[in-house]
Amino acid sequence: MKWPEAAWSEFHARLHRTLKQRSLLPPNQPCLLAVSGGQDSLSLLKLLLDLQPKWGWQLTIAHCDHGWPTDEGIAEHVAALAQAAHVPYSLATASPGLAETEAAARHWRYKALTRLAQDDNFPVIVTAHTQSDRAETLLHNLIRGAGADGLQALTWQRPLTPEIQLVRPLLGFTRAETKEICDRYQLPIWDDVLNQSRRYARNRLRLEIIPQLQADFNPQVEQALANTAELLQADVDYLEQQAQVLYDQHYDPVQQRVALRVLQPLHRALQRRLIRRLLQQVLPGMPT
C-alpha cells in the first residue's frame, strides 16, 4: 500500500485556519489519532499528515477493534495504512462479548482510547467527527428528549481526564466533503457493513431521516442543525460558568449543601445546574 504524497488544497487551508482560530491542536505536541478506516478518519489522517510539517505534531494512529465478526480485517487494514504513512500504530482490542450496540461500542472506545493515551502520555486524542455527525447527534438527542446540554453535544473539544483533551477538528466538514477528499487522493476506505444496518438508530437517521429532511424542508439541514448546536454550546458554556461561580461561593463542604435562600432567587436554569452540581458531590453516580 502506498500513501499519497503530501498536497495542499482548499480543505487543507480550511483545517489550518480552524486549528489556528480555535487553538485546537497546539504545535509540537504528541497527538493520538483515532482511525476507524472509514472515510472521515482517513480524510483527517491525510489532512493532518500534510499539515504536520507546519505544526510539528508527533502523530500516532490508534485503532479500536470491537472484536465483532463484521470487524474482521479492519485492524490489519489500518495497521497497513500506518505503515505506509510511516506513523506509529497502537491497537486496542475489546474483550470477547462486547455488546453489539452503539452505546456499548462508544463507551468502550472512549475508555480504550483514554487508556492508550495514558499509557504513552498523550495529552490529546483526535477524532474525525464531522458536521454531519454533529447534526445527527443533535437530532438523535432531541428525539430521545434532551435539554441544551444534550443538544450541544459533540463540541470541538472536551476533557476526558484532567490530563487528556478530546479534540474534533473536522466539525466544520460534512461527510460529503470527507468523501470528496478520499476520492481526490484515492484513499483506501474500508466499507464497514454495519454503517448500512438499519438496526442502529444513527444509521436510520443518516440513511433515511436526514435525506428526507433535506428533500422536503432544507437542503442544508445538516449545517442548520450543526449551527444550532454551536449556538447552544455558547449558551451552555455561559450558564456552566455562572453556576460554577455560585457553587464555589455557596457550597458548604462540611454539611454538603447549598442553602435554599441562595437557590430561591436564581433563574430556574441556574437552579437546575447548581442542584445538579450538588447531587454530583453527594450521590455515588451521575444524577439522571
Protein backbone atom coordinates (compact mmCIF):
# COMPACT_ATOMS: atom_id res chain seq x y z
CA MET A 1 0.00 0.00 0.00
CA LYS A 2 1.37 3.42 -0.99
CA TRP A 3 0.32 6.51 0.93
CA PRO A 4 -0.44 9.52 -1.34
CA GLU A 5 2.12 12.29 -1.41
CA ALA A 6 1.59 15.50 0.54
CA ALA A 7 -0.55 18.09 -1.21
CA TRP A 8 -2.31 21.36 -0.44
CA SER A 9 -5.95 22.02 -1.17
CA GLU A 10 -8.82 24.23 -0.03
CA PHE A 11 -9.56 21.50 2.55
CA HIS A 12 -6.06 21.81 4.00
CA ALA A 13 -6.42 25.60 4.14
CA ARG A 14 -9.77 25.36 5.94
CA LEU A 15 -8.48 22.94 8.54
CA HIS A 16 -5.32 25.01 9.02
CA ARG A 17 -7.45 28.13 9.69
CA THR A 18 -9.76 26.24 12.04
CA LEU A 19 -6.87 24.89 14.09
CA LYS A 20 -5.40 28.38 14.44
CA GLN A 21 -8.66 30.18 15.19
CA ARG A 22 -9.86 27.65 17.76
CA SER A 23 -6.46 26.70 19.21
CA LEU A 24 -7.41 23.03 18.93
CA LEU A 25 -4.04 21.32 18.42
CA PRO A 26 -1.10 23.32 19.74
CA PRO A 27 2.16 22.91 17.78
CA ASN A 28 4.84 20.36 18.62
CA GLN A 29 2.77 18.05 20.81
CA PRO A 30 2.04 14.31 20.64
CA CYS A 31 -1.42 13.52 19.24
CA LEU A 32 -3.22 10.18 19.32
CA LEU A 33 -5.40 10.00 16.21
CA ALA A 34 -8.35 7.58 16.27
CA VAL A 35 -8.64 5.88 12.86
CA SER A 36 -11.52 3.52 12.14
CA GLY A 37 -10.64 3.00 8.47
CA GLY A 38 -13.72 4.88 7.24
CA GLN A 39 -13.77 7.97 5.05
CA ASP A 40 -13.91 10.53 7.87
CA SER A 41 -10.89 9.23 9.78
CA LEU A 42 -8.88 8.69 6.58
CA SER A 43 -9.61 12.26 5.49
CA LEU A 44 -8.47 13.61 8.85
CA LEU A 45 -5.34 11.45 8.75
CA LYS A 46 -4.48 12.73 5.27
CA LEU A 47 -5.01 16.38 6.21
CA LEU A 48 -3.07 16.18 9.48
CA LEU A 49 -0.15 14.34 7.88
CA ASP A 50 0.09 17.02 5.21
CA LEU A 51 -0.14 19.81 7.83
CA GLN A 52 2.32 18.11 10.16
CA PRO A 53 5.44 19.88 8.79
CA LYS A 54 3.83 23.25 9.61
CA TRP A 55 2.74 22.27 13.10
CA GLY A 56 5.35 19.77 14.26
CA TRP A 57 2.93 17.26 15.83
CA GLN A 58 4.04 13.74 16.71
CA LEU A 59 1.14 11.70 15.33
CA THR A 60 0.27 8.15 16.35
CA ILE A 61 -2.61 6.19 14.84
CA ALA A 62 -4.91 4.35 17.26
CA HIS A 63 -7.47 1.77 16.17
CA CYS A 64 -10.18 0.21 18.34
CA ASP A 65 -11.13 -3.35 17.37
CA HIS A 66 -14.54 -4.31 18.79
CA GLY A 67 -13.86 -7.98 18.12
CA TRP A 68 -17.14 -8.39 16.22
CA PRO A 69 -17.28 -10.72 13.20
CA THR A 70 -18.07 -7.75 10.96
CA ASP A 71 -14.81 -6.07 12.04
CA GLU A 72 -12.58 -8.85 10.73
CA GLY A 73 -9.69 -7.41 8.74
CA ILE A 74 -10.15 -3.74 9.70
CA ALA A 75 -7.32 -3.68 12.26
CA GLU A 76 -4.88 -5.13 9.72
CA HIS A 77 -6.05 -2.60 7.14
CA VAL A 78 -5.44 0.34 9.48
CA ALA A 79 -2.06 -1.10 10.50
CA ALA A 80 -1.07 -1.22 6.83
CA LEU A 81 -2.15 2.42 6.45
CA ALA A 82 0.02 3.43 9.40
CA GLN A 83 2.99 1.57 7.94
CA ALA A 84 2.52 3.18 4.53
CA ALA A 85 2.29 6.63 6.12
CA HIS A 86 5.29 5.92 8.41
CA VAL A 87 3.24 6.68 11.51
CA PRO A 88 3.35 4.71 14.80
CA TYR A 89 0.35 2.47 15.41
CA SER A 90 -1.49 1.42 18.57
CA LEU A 91 -4.26 -1.16 18.76
CA ALA A 92 -6.92 -1.66 21.42
CA THR A 93 -8.91 -4.90 21.25
CA ALA A 94 -12.13 -5.43 23.17
CA SER A 95 -12.61 -8.41 25.42
CA PRO A 96 -14.89 -11.09 23.97
CA GLY A 97 -18.58 -10.43 24.47
CA LEU A 98 -18.72 -6.67 23.86
CA ALA A 99 -22.39 -5.96 23.14
CA GLU A 100 -23.11 -5.07 19.51
CA THR A 101 -24.82 -1.80 20.37
CA GLU A 102 -23.95 1.81 19.59
CA ALA A 103 -23.82 2.78 23.25
CA ALA A 104 -21.62 -0.14 24.34
CA ALA A 105 -19.21 0.36 21.45
CA ARG A 106 -18.90 4.11 22.01
CA HIS A 107 -18.38 3.69 25.76
CA TRP A 108 -15.69 1.06 25.23
CA ARG A 109 -13.90 3.09 22.51
CA TYR A 110 -13.53 6.16 24.70
CA LYS A 111 -12.24 4.06 27.59
CA ALA A 112 -9.81 2.26 25.29
CA LEU A 113 -8.52 5.46 23.68
CA THR A 114 -8.10 7.10 27.09
CA ARG A 115 -6.12 4.09 28.31
CA LEU A 116 -3.84 4.21 25.27
CA ALA A 117 -3.28 7.93 25.78
CA GLN A 118 -2.50 7.46 29.47
CA ASP A 119 -0.08 4.63 28.78
CA ASP A 120 2.01 6.72 26.37
CA ASN A 121 1.41 10.21 27.85
CA PHE A 122 -0.62 11.68 25.02
CA PRO A 123 -2.26 14.97 26.07
CA VAL A 124 -4.65 14.90 23.10
CA ILE A 125 -6.93 12.34 21.44
CA VAL A 126 -8.14 13.41 18.00
CA THR A 127 -11.31 12.01 16.43
CA ALA A 128 -12.84 12.57 12.99
CA HIS A 129 -16.39 13.56 13.93
CA THR A 130 -17.88 15.82 11.26
CA GLN A 131 -20.59 18.43 10.91
CA SER A 132 -22.83 15.60 9.72
CA ASP A 133 -22.18 13.66 12.95
CA ARG A 134 -22.97 16.77 14.96
CA ALA A 135 -26.29 17.25 13.17
CA GLU A 136 -27.22 13.59 13.67
CA THR A 137 -26.32 13.77 17.37
CA LEU A 138 -28.48 16.85 17.94
CA LEU A 139 -31.42 15.22 16.15
CA HIS A 140 -30.92 11.91 17.97
CA ASN A 141 -30.79 13.58 21.39
CA LEU A 142 -33.79 15.77 20.57
CA ILE A 143 -35.87 12.72 19.70
CA ARG A 144 -34.80 10.95 22.91
CA GLY A 145 -35.56 14.05 24.96
CA ALA A 146 -32.69 16.32 25.99
CA GLY A 147 -32.03 19.82 27.22
CA ALA A 148 -29.50 22.27 25.91
CA ASP A 149 -26.61 20.22 27.29
CA GLY A 150 -27.58 17.18 25.23
CA LEU A 151 -28.38 19.16 22.11
CA GLN A 152 -24.98 20.89 22.07
CA ALA A 153 -23.15 17.55 22.25
CA LEU A 154 -20.13 16.86 20.03
CA THR A 155 -18.26 20.01 20.95
CA TRP A 156 -14.95 20.96 19.34
CA GLN A 157 -13.07 19.78 22.40
CA ARG A 158 -13.70 18.49 25.89
CA PRO A 159 -11.64 16.98 28.71
CA LEU A 160 -11.64 13.19 29.07
CA THR A 161 -9.42 13.36 32.15
CA PRO A 162 -7.65 16.30 33.81
CA GLU A 163 -4.62 15.50 31.62
CA ILE A 164 -6.23 14.40 28.33
CA GLN A 165 -8.26 16.51 25.92
CA LEU A 166 -10.56 15.12 23.22
CA VAL A 167 -10.39 17.23 20.05
CA ARG A 168 -12.67 17.12 16.98
CA PRO A 169 -11.10 19.27 14.23
CA LEU A 170 -13.47 18.19 11.42
CA LEU A 171 -16.71 19.59 12.88
CA GLY A 172 -16.68 22.16 10.09
CA PHE A 173 -16.60 19.48 7.36
CA THR A 174 -19.55 17.50 6.04
CA ARG A 175 -19.50 13.79 5.29
CA ALA A 176 -19.84 14.64 1.59
CA GLU A 177 -16.62 16.64 1.84
CA THR A 178 -14.68 13.84 3.53
CA LYS A 179 -15.82 11.56 0.71
CA GLU A 180 -14.52 14.12 -1.79
CA ILE A 181 -11.14 14.18 -0.01
CA CYS A 182 -10.91 10.39 -0.13
CA ASP A 183 -11.83 10.35 -3.82
CA ARG A 184 -9.37 13.10 -4.69
CA TYR A 185 -6.40 11.37 -3.05
CA GLN A 186 -7.61 7.81 -3.71
CA LEU A 187 -7.57 6.92 -0.04
CA PRO A 188 -8.41 3.24 0.61
CA ILE A 189 -11.71 3.48 2.53
CA TRP A 190 -12.79 0.42 4.48
CA ASP A 191 -16.52 -0.06 3.91
CA ASP A 192 -17.98 -1.11 7.27
CA VAL A 193 -21.11 -3.15 6.60
CA LEU A 194 -22.59 -2.04 9.92
CA ASN A 195 -22.82 1.51 8.57
CA GLN A 196 -25.64 0.32 6.32
CA SER A 197 -27.54 -1.60 9.00
CA ARG A 198 -30.96 -0.13 9.83
CA ARG A 199 -30.85 -1.78 13.27
CA TYR A 200 -28.85 1.19 14.56
CA ALA A 201 -30.77 4.41 15.22
CA ARG A 202 -27.98 6.66 13.95
CA ASN A 203 -27.86 4.78 10.66
CA ARG A 204 -31.59 5.29 10.19
CA LEU A 205 -31.13 8.98 10.86
CA ARG A 206 -28.27 9.20 8.38
CA LEU A 207 -29.75 6.99 5.66
CA GLU A 208 -33.45 7.85 5.91
CA ILE A 209 -34.48 10.77 8.12
CA ILE A 210 -31.89 13.41 7.21
CA PRO A 211 -32.15 12.79 3.44
CA GLN A 212 -35.94 13.17 3.82
CA LEU A 213 -35.48 16.45 5.71
CA GLN A 214 -33.08 17.65 3.03
CA ALA A 215 -35.54 16.78 0.27
CA ASP A 216 -38.69 18.16 1.89
CA PHE A 217 -37.57 21.00 4.14
CA ASN A 218 -33.99 22.27 3.86
CA PRO A 219 -31.16 21.01 1.60
CA GLN A 220 -28.71 22.47 4.15
CA VAL A 221 -30.34 20.84 7.17
CA GLU A 222 -27.05 19.35 8.41
CA GLN A 223 -25.43 22.78 8.52
CA ALA A 224 -28.53 24.30 10.14
CA LEU A 225 -28.55 21.66 12.89
CA ALA A 226 -24.80 21.98 13.43
CA ASN A 227 -25.16 25.77 13.69
CA THR A 228 -27.87 25.28 16.32
CA ALA A 229 -25.52 23.03 18.30
CA GLU A 230 -22.81 25.71 18.07
CA LEU A 231 -25.17 28.40 19.41
CA LEU A 232 -26.32 26.13 22.22
CA GLN A 233 -22.73 25.37 23.14
CA ALA A 234 -22.07 29.05 23.83
CA ASP A 235 -25.22 29.29 25.98
CA VAL A 236 -24.33 26.14 27.92
CA ASP A 237 -20.76 27.34 28.49
CA TYR A 238 -22.02 30.64 29.92
CA LEU A 239 -24.57 29.01 32.22
CA GLU A 240 -21.99 26.49 33.43
CA GLN A 241 -19.54 29.29 34.23
CA GLN A 242 -22.18 31.17 36.22
CA ALA A 243 -23.23 28.01 38.06
CA GLN A 244 -19.62 27.27 38.95
CA VAL A 245 -19.13 30.75 40.41
CA LEU A 246 -22.26 30.38 42.54
CA TYR A 247 -21.29 26.88 43.60
CA ASP A 248 -17.80 27.95 44.65
CA GLN A 249 -19.30 30.81 46.68
CA HIS A 250 -22.13 28.96 48.42
CA TYR A 251 -21.39 25.23 48.66
CA ASP A 252 -20.87 24.11 52.26
CA PRO A 253 -18.42 21.15 52.12
CA VAL A 254 -18.94 20.25 55.79
CA GLN A 255 -22.70 19.81 55.56
CA GLN A 256 -22.62 19.12 51.81
CA ARG A 257 -25.35 21.55 50.96
CA VAL A 258 -26.29 24.83 49.30
CA ALA A 259 -28.68 26.98 51.30
CA LEU A 260 -32.24 27.28 49.99
CA ARG A 261 -32.07 31.06 50.37
CA VAL A 262 -29.30 31.05 47.76
CA LEU A 263 -31.26 28.91 45.31
CA GLN A 264 -34.69 30.54 45.54
CA PRO A 265 -33.97 33.91 43.84
CA LEU A 266 -31.98 32.35 40.99
CA HIS A 267 -33.32 31.78 37.49
CA ARG A 268 -34.51 28.20 37.02
CA ALA A 269 -31.71 27.47 34.53
CA LEU A 270 -29.13 28.26 37.24
CA GLN A 271 -31.13 26.49 39.95
CA ARG A 272 -31.04 23.25 37.96
CA ARG A 273 -27.31 23.47 37.26
CA LEU A 274 -26.46 24.29 40.85
CA ILE A 275 -28.59 21.40 42.16
CA ARG A 276 -27.00 19.04 39.65
CA ARG A 277 -23.53 20.02 40.83
CA LEU A 278 -24.61 19.42 44.41
CA LEU A 279 -26.02 15.98 43.55
CA GLN A 280 -22.79 15.08 41.77
CA GLN A 281 -21.00 15.66 45.06
CA VAL A 282 -23.30 13.64 47.29
CA LEU A 283 -24.52 10.78 45.06
CA PRO A 284 -22.42 7.73 44.16
CA GLY A 285 -23.16 8.20 40.43
CA MET A 286 -24.22 10.87 37.99
CA PRO A 287 -27.80 12.10 38.53
CA THR A 288 -30.26 11.41 35.72
